[in-house]
Amino acid sequence: MRQLYRAVLSAEGAELIYAENGAEALDAAAENPDVDLFIVDINMPQMDGLEFLRRLRGELGLAETPALVVSTEGEEEDERAAIAAGASGYLKKPWTPPELLAAVRDLYPGSDE
């Protein structure tokens, strides 16, 4: 999956930071608070994406940085839970490259410059 993100987003000039799990993602967010956008999977080991978002928004105070949740969970309640946890957008897997780019551009308009 990372290779697909890299292929799609690096081609648009994005620099990507990866984490192996939710806890590592939170550490990476703390070390890189100036990132433009977080892309978060709900199903991450050690700390799921919802908990990551709550802690990102709460403990780290990164309430303004957009966060796109990607998930195989496709029910409306899943999307509502993600938004309630702090997601700015929601994209169901499997996504296509144009769908990913559209979601990223919707949340981070500067990404299409």
PDB file of N, CA and C in Angstrom:
ATOM      1  N   MET A   1       0.822  -1.188   0.000  1.00  0.00           N
ATOM      2  CA  MET A   1       0.000   0.000   0.000  1.00  0.00           C
ATOM      3  C   MET A   1       0.869   1.257   0.000  1.00  0.00           C
ATOM      4  N   ARG A   2       1.970   1.210   0.783  1.00  0.00           N
ATOM      5  CA  ARG A   2       2.852   2.380   0.815  1.00  0.00           C
ATOM      6  C   ARG A   2       3.385   2.716  -0.569  1.00  0.00           C
ATOM      7  N   GLN A   3       3.688   1.681  -1.329  1.00  0.00           N
ATOM      8  CA  GLN A   3       4.217   1.920  -2.676  1.00  0.00           C
ATOM      9  C   GLN A   3       3.192   2.657  -3.529  1.00  0.00           C
ATOM     10  N   LEU A   4       1.928   2.338  -3.343  1.00  0.00           N
ATOM     11  CA  LEU A   4       0.886   3.012  -4.111  1.00  0.00           C
ATOM     12  C   LEU A   4       0.752   4.476  -3.680  1.00  0.00           C
ATOM     13  N   TYR A   5       0.767   4.707  -2.368  1.00  0.00           N
ATOM     14  CA  TYR A   5       0.746   6.099  -1.887  1.00  0.00           C
ATOM     15  C   TYR A   5       1.940   6.863  -2.450  1.00  0.00           C
ATOM     16  N   ARG A   6       3.114   6.252  -2.358  1.00  0.00           N
ATOM     17  CA  ARG A   6       4.323   6.900  -2.853  1.00  0.00           C
ATOM     18  C   ARG A   6       4.192   7.210  -4.348  1.00  0.00           C
ATOM     19  N   ALA A   7       3.727   6.238  -5.121  1.00  0.00           N
ATOM     20  CA  ALA A   7       3.617   6.443  -6.564  1.00  0.00           C
ATOM     21  C   ALA A   7       2.667   7.591  -6.885  1.00  0.00           C
ATOM     22  N   VAL A   8       1.551   7.649  -6.195  1.00  0.00           N
ATOM     23  CA  VAL A   8       0.535   8.662  -6.502  1.00  0.00           C
ATOM     24  C   VAL A   8       0.951  10.036  -5.966  1.00  0.00           C
ATOM     25  N   LEU A   9       1.353  10.091  -4.717  1.00  0.00           N
ATOM     26  CA  LEU A   9       1.581  11.396  -4.082  1.00  0.00           C
ATOM     27  C   LEU A   9       2.958  11.976  -4.367  1.00  0.00           C
ATOM     28  N   SER A  10       3.970  11.141  -4.472  1.00  0.00           N
ATOM     29  CA  SER A  10       5.296  11.657  -4.811  1.00  0.00           C
ATOM     30  C   SER A  10       5.305  12.231  -6.218  1.00  0.00           C
ATOM     31  N   ALA A  11       4.533  11.649  -7.100  1.00  0.00           N
ATOM     32  CA  ALA A  11       4.439  12.178  -8.471  1.00  0.00           C
ATOM     33  C   ALA A  11       3.853  13.585  -8.483  1.00  0.00           C
ATOM     34  N   GLU A  12       3.142  13.933  -7.416  1.00  0.00           N
ATOM     35  CA  GLU A  12       2.555  15.273  -7.284  1.00  0.00           C
ATOM     36  C   GLU A  12       3.457  16.208  -6.480  1.00  0.00           C
ATOM     37  N   GLY A  13       4.633  15.702  -6.107  1.00  0.00           N
ATOM     38  CA  GLY A  13       5.583  16.541  -5.380  1.00  0.00           C
ATOM     39  C   GLY A  13       5.500  16.439  -3.868  1.00  0.00           C
ATOM     40  N   ALA A  14       4.702  15.533  -3.363  1.00  0.00           N
ATOM     41  CA  ALA A  14       4.558  15.392  -1.911  1.00  0.00           C
ATOM     42  C   ALA A  14       5.765  14.665  -1.326  1.00  0.00           C
ATOM     43  N   GLU A  15       6.135  15.087  -0.135  1.00  0.00           N
ATOM     44  CA  GLU A  15       7.145  14.367   0.639  1.00  0.00           C
ATOM     45  C   GLU A  15       6.391  13.587   1.704  1.00  0.00           C
ATOM     46  N   LEU A  16       6.676  12.309   1.823  1.00  0.00           N
ATOM     47  CA  LEU A  16       5.897  11.432   2.698  1.00  0.00           C
ATOM     48  C   LEU A  16       6.712  10.971   3.891  1.00  0.00           C
ATOM     49  N   ILE A  17       6.060  10.867   5.020  1.00  0.00           N
ATOM     50  CA  ILE A  17       6.628  10.301   6.238  1.00  0.00           C
ATOM     51  C   ILE A  17       5.743   9.115   6.601  1.00  0.00           C
ATOM     52  N   TYR A  18       6.339   7.954   6.789  1.00  0.00           N
ATOM     53  CA  TYR A  18       5.561   6.751   7.088  1.00  0.00           C
ATOM     54  C   TYR A  18       5.763   6.335   8.531  1.00  0.00           C
ATOM     55  N   ALA A  19       4.771   5.634   9.057  1.00  0.00           N
ATOM     56  CA  ALA A  19       4.875   5.042  10.392  1.00  0.00           C
ATOM     57  C   ALA A  19       4.351   3.611  10.312  1.00  0.00           C
ATOM     58  N   GLU A  20       4.920   2.743  11.144  1.00  0.00           N
ATOM     59  CA  GLU A  20       4.533   1.332  11.133  1.00  0.00           C
ATOM     60  C   GLU A  20       3.249   1.064  11.910  1.00  0.00           C
ATOM     61  N   ASN A  21       2.928   1.956  12.848  1.00  0.00           N
ATOM     62  CA  ASN A  21       1.744   1.745  13.676  1.00  0.00           C
ATOM     63  C   ASN A  21       1.284   3.087  14.237  1.00  0.00           C
ATOM     64  N   GLY A  22       0.189   3.053  14.962  1.00  0.00           N
ATOM     65  CA  GLY A  22      -0.377   4.286  15.482  1.00  0.00           C
ATOM     66  C   GLY A  22       0.535   5.015  16.465  1.00  0.00           C
ATOM     67  N   ALA A  23       1.194   4.253  17.329  1.00  0.00           N
ATOM     68  CA  ALA A  23       2.094   4.880  18.306  1.00  0.00           C
ATOM     69  C   ALA A  23       3.264   5.550  17.603  1.00  0.00           C
ATOM     70  N   GLU A  24       3.828   4.875  16.626  1.00  0.00           N
ATOM     71  CA  GLU A  24       4.930   5.456  15.868  1.00  0.00           C
ATOM     72  C   GLU A  24       4.445   6.677  15.078  1.00  0.00           C
ATOM     73  N   ALA A  25       3.223   6.616  14.580  1.00  0.00           N
ATOM     74  CA  ALA A  25       2.659   7.757  13.847  1.00  0.00           C
ATOM     75  C   ALA A  25       2.513   8.967  14.763  1.00  0.00           C
ATOM     76  N   LEU A  26       2.097   8.726  16.000  1.00  0.00           N
ATOM     77  CA  LEU A  26       1.962   9.831  16.945  1.00  0.00           C
ATOM     78  C   LEU A  26       3.324  10.452  17.253  1.00  0.00           C
ATOM     79  N   ASP A  27       4.342   9.600  17.416  1.00  0.00           N
ATOM     80  CA  ASP A  27       5.702  10.112  17.628  1.00  0.00           C
ATOM     81  C   ASP A  27       6.163  10.918  16.420  1.00  0.00           C
ATOM     82  N   ALA A  28       5.893  10.405  15.229  1.00  0.00           N
ATOM     83  CA  ALA A  28       6.292  11.105  14.001  1.00  0.00           C
ATOM     84  C   ALA A  28       5.572  12.446  13.882  1.00  0.00           C
ATOM     85  N   ALA A  29       4.314  12.474  14.282  1.00  0.00           N
ATOM     86  CA  ALA A  29       3.550  13.733  14.239  1.00  0.00           C
ATOM     87  C   ALA A  29       4.132  14.747  15.222  1.00  0.00           C
ATOM     88  N   ALA A  30       4.534  14.251  16.399  1.00  0.00           N
ATOM     89  CA  ALA A  30       5.135  15.155  17.394  1.00  0.00           C
ATOM     90  C   ALA A  30       6.461  15.719  16.893  1.00  0.00           C
ATOM     91  N   GLU A  31       7.210  14.908  16.172  1.00  0.00           N
ATOM     92  CA  GLU A  31       8.506  15.341  15.651  1.00  0.00           C
ATOM     93  C   GLU A  31       8.371  16.217  14.407  1.00  0.00           C
ATOM     94  N   ASN A  32       7.216  16.135  13.730  1.00  0.00           N
ATOM     95  CA  ASN A  32       6.996  16.870  12.478  1.00  0.00           C
ATOM     96  C   ASN A  32       5.658  17.613  12.523  1.00  0.00           C
ATOM     97  N   PRO A  33       5.505  18.562  13.446  1.00  0.00           N
ATOM     98  CA  PRO A  33       4.200  19.215  13.598  1.00  0.00           C
ATOM     99  C   PRO A  33       3.816  20.126  12.435  1.00  0.00           C
ATOM    100  N   ASP A  34       4.743  20.389  11.529  1.00  0.00           N
ATOM    101  CA  ASP A  34       4.440  21.290  10.415  1.00  0.00           C
ATOM    102  C   ASP A  34       4.012  20.569   9.147  1.00  0.00           C
ATOM    103  N   VAL A  35       3.666  19.293   9.242  1.00  0.00           N
ATOM    104  CA  VAL A  35       3.212  18.582   8.035  1.00  0.00           C
ATOM    105  C   VAL A  35       1.916  19.238   7.551  1.00  0.00           C
ATOM    106  N   ASP A  36       1.626  19.056   6.271  1.00  0.00           N
ATOM    107  CA  ASP A  36       0.455  19.686   5.669  1.00  0.00           C
ATOM    108  C   ASP A  36      -0.803  18.834   5.787  1.00  0.00           C
ATOM    109  N   LEU A  37      -0.632  17.518   5.887  1.00  0.00           N
ATOM    110  CA  LEU A  37      -1.793  16.623   5.860  1.00  0.00           C
ATOM    111  C   LEU A  37      -1.398  15.272   6.447  1.00  0.00           C
ATOM    112  N   PHE A  38      -2.282  14.714   7.259  1.00  0.00           N
ATOM    113  CA  PHE A  38      -2.090  13.347   7.742  1.00  0.00           C
ATOM    114  C   PHE A  38      -3.016  12.433   6.955  1.00  0.00           C
ATOM    115  N   ILE A  39      -2.509  11.272   6.567  1.00  0.00           N
ATOM    116  CA  ILE A  39      -3.343  10.223   5.988  1.00  0.00           C
ATOM    117  C   ILE A  39      -3.275   9.056   6.960  1.00  0.00           C
ATOM    118  N   VAL A  40      -4.421   8.680   7.471  1.00  0.00           N
ATOM    119  CA  VAL A  40      -4.506   7.744   8.590  1.00  0.00           C
ATOM    120  C   VAL A  40      -5.396   6.562   8.234  1.00  0.00           C
ATOM    121  N   ASP A  41      -4.895   5.360   8.483  1.00  0.00           N
ATOM    122  CA  ASP A  41      -5.720   4.166   8.324  1.00  0.00           C
ATOM    123  C   ASP A  41      -6.383   3.877   9.660  1.00  0.00           C
ATOM    124  N   ILE A  42      -7.631   3.481   9.630  1.00  0.00           N
ATOM    125  CA  ILE A  42      -8.319   3.140  10.879  1.00  0.00           C
ATOM    126  C   ILE A  42      -7.665   1.935  11.535  1.00  0.00           C
ATOM    127  N   ASN A  43      -7.335   0.943  10.748  1.00  0.00           N
ATOM    128  CA  ASN A  43      -6.824  -0.313  11.278  1.00  0.00           C
ATOM    129  C   ASN A  43      -5.308  -0.309  11.316  1.00  0.00           C
ATOM    130  N   MET A  44      -4.772   0.267  12.380  1.00  0.00           N
ATOM    131  CA  MET A  44      -3.325   0.265  12.585  1.00  0.00           C
ATOM    132  C   MET A  44      -3.025  -0.540  13.841  1.00  0.00           C
ATOM    133  N   PRO A  45      -1.872  -1.233  13.888  1.00  0.00           N
ATOM    134  CA  PRO A  45      -1.517  -1.961  15.098  1.00  0.00           C
ATOM    135  C   PRO A  45      -1.129  -1.004  16.230  1.00  0.00           C
ATOM    136  N   GLN A  46      -1.221  -1.504  17.449  1.00  0.00           N
ATOM    137  CA  GLN A  46      -0.870  -0.812  18.690  1.00  0.00           C
ATOM    138  C   GLN A  46      -1.819   0.325  19.049  1.00  0.00           C
ATOM    139  N   MET A  47      -2.194   1.133  18.083  1.00  0.00           N
ATOM    140  CA  MET A  47      -3.113   2.242  18.332  1.00  0.00           C
ATOM    141  C   MET A  47      -3.903   2.448  17.045  1.00  0.00           C
ATOM    142  N   ASP A  48      -5.220   2.315  17.103  1.00  0.00           N
ATOM    143  CA  ASP A  48      -5.977   2.451  15.854  1.00  0.00           C
ATOM    144  C   ASP A  48      -6.044   3.920  15.416  1.00  0.00           C
ATOM    145  N   GLY A  49      -6.531   4.116  14.217  1.00  0.00           N
ATOM    146  CA  GLY A  49      -6.561   5.451  13.648  1.00  0.00           C
ATOM    147  C   GLY A  49      -7.434   6.425  14.420  1.00  0.00           C
ATOM    148  N   LEU A  50      -8.519   5.927  15.020  1.00  0.00           N
ATOM    149  CA  LEU A  50      -9.383   6.814  15.793  1.00  0.00           C
ATOM    150  C   LEU A  50      -8.666   7.330  17.036  1.00  0.00           C
ATOM    151  N   GLU A  51      -7.979   6.437  17.720  1.00  0.00           N
ATOM    152  CA  GLU A  51      -7.225   6.865  18.903  1.00  0.00           C
ATOM    153  C   GLU A  51      -6.091   7.805  18.498  1.00  0.00           C
ATOM    154  N   PHE A  52      -5.432   7.484  17.381  1.00  0.00           N
ATOM    155  CA  PHE A  52      -4.386   8.378  16.875  1.00  0.00           C
ATOM    156  C   PHE A  52      -4.943   9.784  16.667  1.00  0.00           C
ATOM    157  N   LEU A  53      -6.103   9.873  16.024  1.00  0.00           N
ATOM    158  CA  LEU A  53      -6.692  11.186  15.753  1.00  0.00           C
ATOM    159  C   LEU A  53      -7.039  11.925  17.038  1.00  0.00           C
ATOM    160  N   ARG A  54      -7.631  11.208  17.991  1.00  0.00           N
ATOM    161  CA  ARG A  54      -7.984  11.864  19.261  1.00  0.00           C
ATOM    162  C   ARG A  54      -6.733  12.426  19.939  1.00  0.00           C
ATOM    163  N   ARG A  55      -5.680  11.650  19.953  1.00  0.00           N
ATOM    164  CA  ARG A  55      -4.450  12.102  20.617  1.00  0.00           C
ATOM    165  C   ARG A  55      -3.744  13.178  19.795  1.00  0.00           C
ATOM    166  N   LEU A  56      -3.807  13.058  18.483  1.00  0.00           N
ATOM    167  CA  LEU A  56      -3.241  14.095  17.612  1.00  0.00           C
ATOM    168  C   LEU A  56      -3.915  15.430  17.873  1.00  0.00           C
ATOM    169  N   ARG A  57      -5.230  15.406  17.941  1.00  0.00           N
ATOM    170  CA  ARG A  57      -6.003  16.637  18.150  1.00  0.00           C
ATOM    171  C   ARG A  57      -5.905  17.122  19.595  1.00  0.00           C
ATOM    172  N   GLY A  58      -5.850  16.184  20.546  1.00  0.00           N
ATOM    173  CA  GLY A  58      -5.826  16.553  21.962  1.00  0.00           C
ATOM    174  C   GLY A  58      -4.430  16.794  22.487  1.00  0.00           C
ATOM    175  N   GLU A  59      -3.679  15.727  22.683  1.00  0.00           N
ATOM    176  CA  GLU A  59      -2.351  15.822  23.309  1.00  0.00           C
ATOM    177  C   GLU A  59      -1.386  16.692  22.515  1.00  0.00           C
ATOM    178  N   LEU A  60      -1.373  16.512  21.216  1.00  0.00           N
ATOM    179  CA  LEU A  60      -0.412  17.260  20.402  1.00  0.00           C
ATOM    180  C   LEU A  60      -0.937  18.626  19.979  1.00  0.00           C
ATOM    181  N   GLY A  61      -2.232  18.832  20.110  1.00  0.00           N
ATOM    182  CA  GLY A  61      -2.798  20.135  19.775  1.00  0.00           C
ATOM    183  C   GLY A  61      -2.775  20.455  18.291  1.00  0.00           C
ATOM    184  N   LEU A  62      -2.702  19.434  17.470  1.00  0.00           N
ATOM    185  CA  LEU A  62      -2.673  19.652  16.015  1.00  0.00           C
ATOM    186  C   LEU A  62      -4.097  19.590  15.460  1.00  0.00           C
ATOM    187  N   ALA A  63      -4.918  20.503  15.929  1.00  0.00           N
ATOM    188  CA  ALA A  63      -6.329  20.504  15.556  1.00  0.00           C
ATOM    189  C   ALA A  63      -6.581  21.059  14.164  1.00  0.00           C
ATOM    190  N   GLU A  64      -5.669  21.861  13.662  1.00  0.00           N
ATOM    191  CA  GLU A  64      -5.905  22.530  12.383  1.00  0.00           C
ATOM    192  C   GLU A  64      -5.362  21.761  11.179  1.00  0.00           C
ATOM    193  N   THR A  65      -4.452  20.849  11.404  1.00  0.00           N
ATOM    194  CA  THR A  65      -3.867  20.110  10.288  1.00  0.00           C
ATOM    195  C   THR A  65      -4.881  19.086   9.778  1.00  0.00           C
ATOM    196  N   PRO A  66      -5.208  19.118   8.477  1.00  0.00           N
ATOM    197  CA  PRO A  66      -6.186  18.167   7.962  1.00  0.00           C
ATOM    198  C   PRO A  66      -5.711  16.720   8.103  1.00  0.00           C
ATOM    199  N   ALA A  67      -6.671  15.837   8.316  1.00  0.00           N
ATOM    200  CA  ALA A  67      -6.379  14.408   8.423  1.00  0.00           C
ATOM    201  C   ALA A  67      -7.389  13.639   7.574  1.00  0.00           C
ATOM    202  N   LEU A  68      -6.875  12.918   6.615  1.00  0.00           N
ATOM    203  CA  LEU A  68      -7.707  12.074   5.750  1.00  0.00           C
ATOM    204  C   LEU A  68      -7.652  10.649   6.281  1.00  0.00           C
ATOM    205  N   VAL A  69      -8.803  10.088   6.587  1.00  0.00           N
ATOM    206  CA  VAL A  69      -8.876   8.695   7.033  1.00  0.00           C
ATOM    207  C   VAL A  69      -9.164   7.821   5.818  1.00  0.00           C
ATOM    208  N   VAL A  70      -8.388   6.766   5.680  1.00  0.00           N
ATOM    209  CA  VAL A  70      -8.639   5.758   4.653  1.00  0.00           C
ATOM    210  C   VAL A  70      -8.931   4.450   5.369  1.00  0.00           C
ATOM    211  N   SER A  71      -9.943   3.746   4.876  1.00  0.00           N
ATOM    212  CA  SER A  71     -10.343   2.539   5.596  1.00  0.00           C
ATOM    213  C   SER A  71     -11.127   1.591   4.708  1.00  0.00           C
ATOM    214  N   THR A  72     -11.047   0.325   5.063  1.00  0.00           N
ATOM    215  CA  THR A  72     -11.912  -0.663   4.421  1.00  0.00           C
ATOM    216  C   THR A  72     -13.291  -0.646   5.061  1.00  0.00           C
ATOM    217  N   GLU A  73     -13.397   0.027   6.215  1.00  0.00           N
ATOM    218  CA  GLU A  73     -14.684   0.132   6.917  1.00  0.00           C
ATOM    219  C   GLU A  73     -15.532   1.152   6.168  1.00  0.00           C
ATOM    220  N   GLY A  74     -16.620   0.678   5.560  1.00  0.00           N
ATOM    221  CA  GLY A  74     -17.356   1.563   4.668  1.00  0.00           C
ATOM    222  C   GLY A  74     -18.743   1.968   5.105  1.00  0.00           C
ATOM    223  N   GLU A  75     -19.107   1.673   6.340  1.00  0.00           N
ATOM    224  CA  GLU A  75     -20.433   2.052   6.812  1.00  0.00           C
ATOM    225  C   GLU A  75     -20.448   3.529   7.212  1.00  0.00           C
ATOM    226  N   GLU A  76     -21.634   4.133   7.135  1.00  0.00           N
ATOM    227  CA  GLU A  76     -21.763   5.541   7.521  1.00  0.00           C
ATOM    228  C   GLU A  76     -21.306   5.779   8.949  1.00  0.00           C
ATOM    229  N   GLU A  77     -21.599   4.825   9.829  1.00  0.00           N
ATOM    230  CA  GLU A  77     -21.193   4.997  11.235  1.00  0.00           C
ATOM    231  C   GLU A  77     -19.676   5.009  11.373  1.00  0.00           C
ATOM    232  N   ASP A  78     -18.980   4.299  10.498  1.00  0.00           N
ATOM    233  CA  ASP A  78     -17.517   4.322  10.536  1.00  0.00           C
ATOM    234  C   ASP A  78     -17.006   5.714  10.180  1.00  0.00           C
ATOM    235  N   GLU A  79     -17.604   6.297   9.156  1.00  0.00           N
ATOM    236  CA  GLU A  79     -17.189   7.641   8.747  1.00  0.00           C
ATOM    237  C   GLU A  79     -17.537   8.657   9.834  1.00  0.00           C
ATOM    238  N   ARG A  80     -18.721   8.527  10.426  1.00  0.00           N
ATOM    239  CA  ARG A  80     -19.110   9.458  11.511  1.00  0.00           C
ATOM    240  C   ARG A  80     -18.152   9.340  12.693  1.00  0.00           C
ATOM    241  N   ALA A  81     -17.759   8.110  13.020  1.00  0.00           N
ATOM    242  CA  ALA A  81     -16.821   7.907  14.143  1.00  0.00           C
ATOM    243  C   ALA A  81     -15.476   8.554  13.831  1.00  0.00           C
ATOM    244  N   ALA A  82     -15.044   8.437  12.582  1.00  0.00           N
ATOM    245  CA  ALA A  82     -13.770   9.046  12.193  1.00  0.00           C
ATOM    246  C   ALA A  82     -13.845  10.569  12.282  1.00  0.00           C
ATOM    247  N   ILE A  83     -14.927  11.138  11.802  1.00  0.00           N
ATOM    248  CA  ILE A  83     -15.095  12.594  11.855  1.00  0.00           C
ATOM    249  C   ILE A  83     -15.157  13.047  13.316  1.00  0.00           C
ATOM    250  N   ALA A  84     -15.875  12.296  14.143  1.00  0.00           N
ATOM    251  CA  ALA A  84     -15.972  12.643  15.565  1.00  0.00           C
ATOM    252  C   ALA A  84     -14.610  12.572  16.257  1.00  0.00           C
ATOM    253  N   ALA A  85     -13.747  11.679  15.788  1.00  0.00           N
ATOM    254  CA  ALA A  85     -12.407  11.537  16.380  1.00  0.00           C
ATOM    255  C   ALA A  85     -11.451  12.618  15.896  1.00  0.00           C
ATOM    256  N   GLY A  86     -11.837  13.328  14.838  1.00  0.00           N
ATOM    257  CA  GLY A  86     -10.971  14.410  14.367  1.00  0.00           C
ATOM    258  C   GLY A  86     -10.587  14.345  12.905  1.00  0.00           C
ATOM    259  N   ALA A  87     -11.161  13.395  12.168  1.00  0.00           N
ATOM    260  CA  ALA A  87     -10.849  13.317  10.731  1.00  0.00           C
ATOM    261  C   ALA A  87     -11.449  14.505   9.991  1.00  0.00           C
ATOM    262  N   SER A  88     -10.751  14.924   8.966  1.00  0.00           N
ATOM    263  CA  SER A  88     -11.242  16.013   8.127  1.00  0.00           C
ATOM    264  C   SER A  88     -11.922  15.466   6.880  1.00  0.00           C
ATOM    265  N   GLY A  89     -11.581  14.245   6.513  1.00  0.00           N
ATOM    266  CA  GLY A  89     -12.152  13.608   5.345  1.00  0.00           C
ATOM    267  C   GLY A  89     -12.061  12.098   5.481  1.00  0.00           C
ATOM    268  N   TYR A  90     -12.779  11.388   4.632  1.00  0.00           N
ATOM    269  CA  TYR A  90     -12.843   9.927   4.734  1.00  0.00           C
ATOM    270  C   TYR A  90     -12.831   9.346   3.328  1.00  0.00           C
ATOM    271  N   LEU A  91     -11.990   8.371   3.108  1.00  0.00           N
ATOM    272  CA  LEU A  91     -11.887   7.730   1.800  1.00  0.00           C
ATOM    273  C   LEU A  91     -11.903   6.221   2.004  1.00  0.00           C
ATOM    274  N   LYS A  92     -12.847   5.569   1.341  1.00  0.00           N
ATOM    275  CA  LYS A  92     -12.953   4.120   1.473  1.00  0.00           C
ATOM    276  C   LYS A  92     -11.950   3.426   0.573  1.00  0.00           C
ATOM    277  N   LYS A  93     -11.375   2.334   1.105  1.00  0.00           N
ATOM    278  CA  LYS A  93     -10.512   1.457   0.312  1.00  0.00           C
ATOM    279  C   LYS A  93     -11.389   0.429  -0.386  1.00  0.00           C
ATOM    280  N   PRO A  94     -11.056  -0.050  -1.522  1.00  0.00           N
ATOM    281  CA  PRO A  94      -9.896   0.394  -2.282  1.00  0.00           C
ATOM    282  C   PRO A  94     -10.196   1.705  -3.007  1.00  0.00           C
ATOM    283  N   TRP A  95      -9.231   2.578  -3.022  1.00  0.00           N
ATOM    284  CA  TRP A  95      -9.372   3.837  -3.726  1.00  0.00           C
ATOM    285  C   TRP A  95      -8.575   3.775  -5.028  1.00  0.00           C
ATOM    286  N   THR A  96      -8.916   4.653  -5.924  1.00  0.00           N
ATOM    287  CA  THR A  96      -8.152   4.773  -7.164  1.00  0.00           C
ATOM    288  C   THR A  96      -7.227   5.980  -7.016  1.00  0.00           C
ATOM    289  N   PRO A  97      -6.155   6.053  -7.757  1.00  0.00           N
ATOM    290  CA  PRO A  97      -5.298   7.240  -7.678  1.00  0.00           C
ATOM    291  C   PRO A  97      -6.048   8.555  -7.867  1.00  0.00           C
ATOM    292  N   PRO A  98      -6.966   8.671  -8.850  1.00  0.00           N
ATOM    293  CA  PRO A  98      -7.705   9.940  -8.946  1.00  0.00           C
ATOM    294  C   PRO A  98      -8.549  10.238  -7.707  1.00  0.00           C
ATOM    295  N   GLU A  99      -9.105   9.197  -7.077  1.00  0.00           N
ATOM    296  CA  GLU A  99      -9.894   9.426  -5.860  1.00  0.00           C
ATOM    297  C   GLU A  99      -9.001   9.914  -4.717  1.00  0.00           C
ATOM    298  N   LEU A 100      -7.822   9.325  -4.583  1.00  0.00           N
ATOM    299  CA  LEU A 100      -6.894   9.767  -3.543  1.00  0.00           C
ATOM    300  C   LEU A 100      -6.474  11.207  -3.789  1.00  0.00           C
ATOM    301  N   LEU A 101      -6.110  11.512  -5.010  1.00  0.00           N
ATOM    302  CA  LEU A 101      -5.689  12.885  -5.321  1.00  0.00           C
ATOM    303  C   LEU A 101      -6.815  13.885  -5.077  1.00  0.00           C
ATOM    304  N   ALA A 102      -8.029  13.529  -5.449  1.00  0.00           N
ATOM    305  CA  ALA A 102      -9.165  14.430  -5.224  1.00  0.00           C
ATOM    306  C   ALA A 102      -9.378  14.658  -3.729  1.00  0.00           C
ATOM    307  N   ALA A 103      -9.274  13.594  -2.937  1.00  0.00           N
ATOM    308  CA  ALA A 103      -9.467  13.730  -1.490  1.00  0.00           C
ATOM    309  C   ALA A 103      -8.367  14.596  -0.884  1.00  0.00           C
ATOM    310  N   VAL A 104      -7.139  14.391  -1.313  1.00  0.00           N
ATOM    311  CA  VAL A 104      -6.019  15.188  -0.804  1.00  0.00           C
ATOM    312  C   VAL A 104      -6.190  16.647  -1.210  1.00  0.00           C
ATOM    313  N   ARG A 105      -6.532  16.892  -2.454  1.00  0.00           N
ATOM    314  CA  ARG A 105      -6.695  18.278  -2.918  1.00  0.00           C
ATOM    315  C   ARG A 105      -7.871  18.971  -2.235  1.00  0.00           C
ATOM    316  N   ASP A 106      -8.883  18.197  -1.899  1.00  0.00           N
ATOM    317  CA  ASP A 106     -10.033  18.765  -1.203  1.00  0.00           C
ATOM    318  C   ASP A 106      -9.632  19.268   0.185  1.00  0.00           C
ATOM    319  N   LEU A 107      -8.769  18.516   0.852  1.00  0.00           N
ATOM    320  CA  LEU A 107      -8.369  18.874   2.216  1.00  0.00           C
ATOM    321  C   LEU A 107      -7.172  19.815   2.251  1.00  0.00           C
ATOM    322  N   TYR A 108      -6.342  19.722   1.235  1.00  0.00           N
ATOM    323  CA  TYR A 108      -5.139  20.549   1.183  1.00  0.00           C
ATOM    324  C   TYR A 108      -5.039  21.160  -0.207  1.00  0.00           C
ATOM    325  N   PRO A 109      -5.773  22.245  -0.417  1.00  0.00           N
ATOM    326  CA  PRO A 109      -5.817  22.846  -1.759  1.00  0.00           C
ATOM    327  C   PRO A 109      -4.447  23.224  -2.314  1.00  0.00           C
ATOM    328  N   GLY A 110      -3.477  23.525  -1.465  1.00  0.00           N
ATOM    329  CA  GLY A 110      -2.143  23.886  -1.934  1.00  0.00           C
ATOM    330  C   GLY A 110      -1.430  22.734  -2.613  1.00  0.00           C
ATOM    331  N   SER A 111      -1.982  21.519  -2.512  1.00  0.00           N
ATOM    332  CA  SER A 111      -1.315  20.357  -3.090  1.00  0.00           C
ATOM    333  C   SER A 111      -1.417  20.307  -4.604  1.00  0.00           C
ATOM    334  N   ASP A 112      -2.275  21.121  -5.217  1.00  0.00           N
ATOM    335  CA  ASP A 112      -2.396  21.070  -6.678  1.00  0.00           C
ATOM    336  C   ASP A 112      -1.655  22.199  -7.359  1.00  0.00           C
ATOM    337  N   GLU A 113      -0.785  22.888  -6.614  1.00  0.00           N
ATOM    338  CA  GLU A 113       0.003  23.977  -7.214  1.00  0.00           C
ATOM    339  C   GLU A 113       1.287  23.448  -7.782  1.00  0.00           C
TER     340      GLU A 113
END
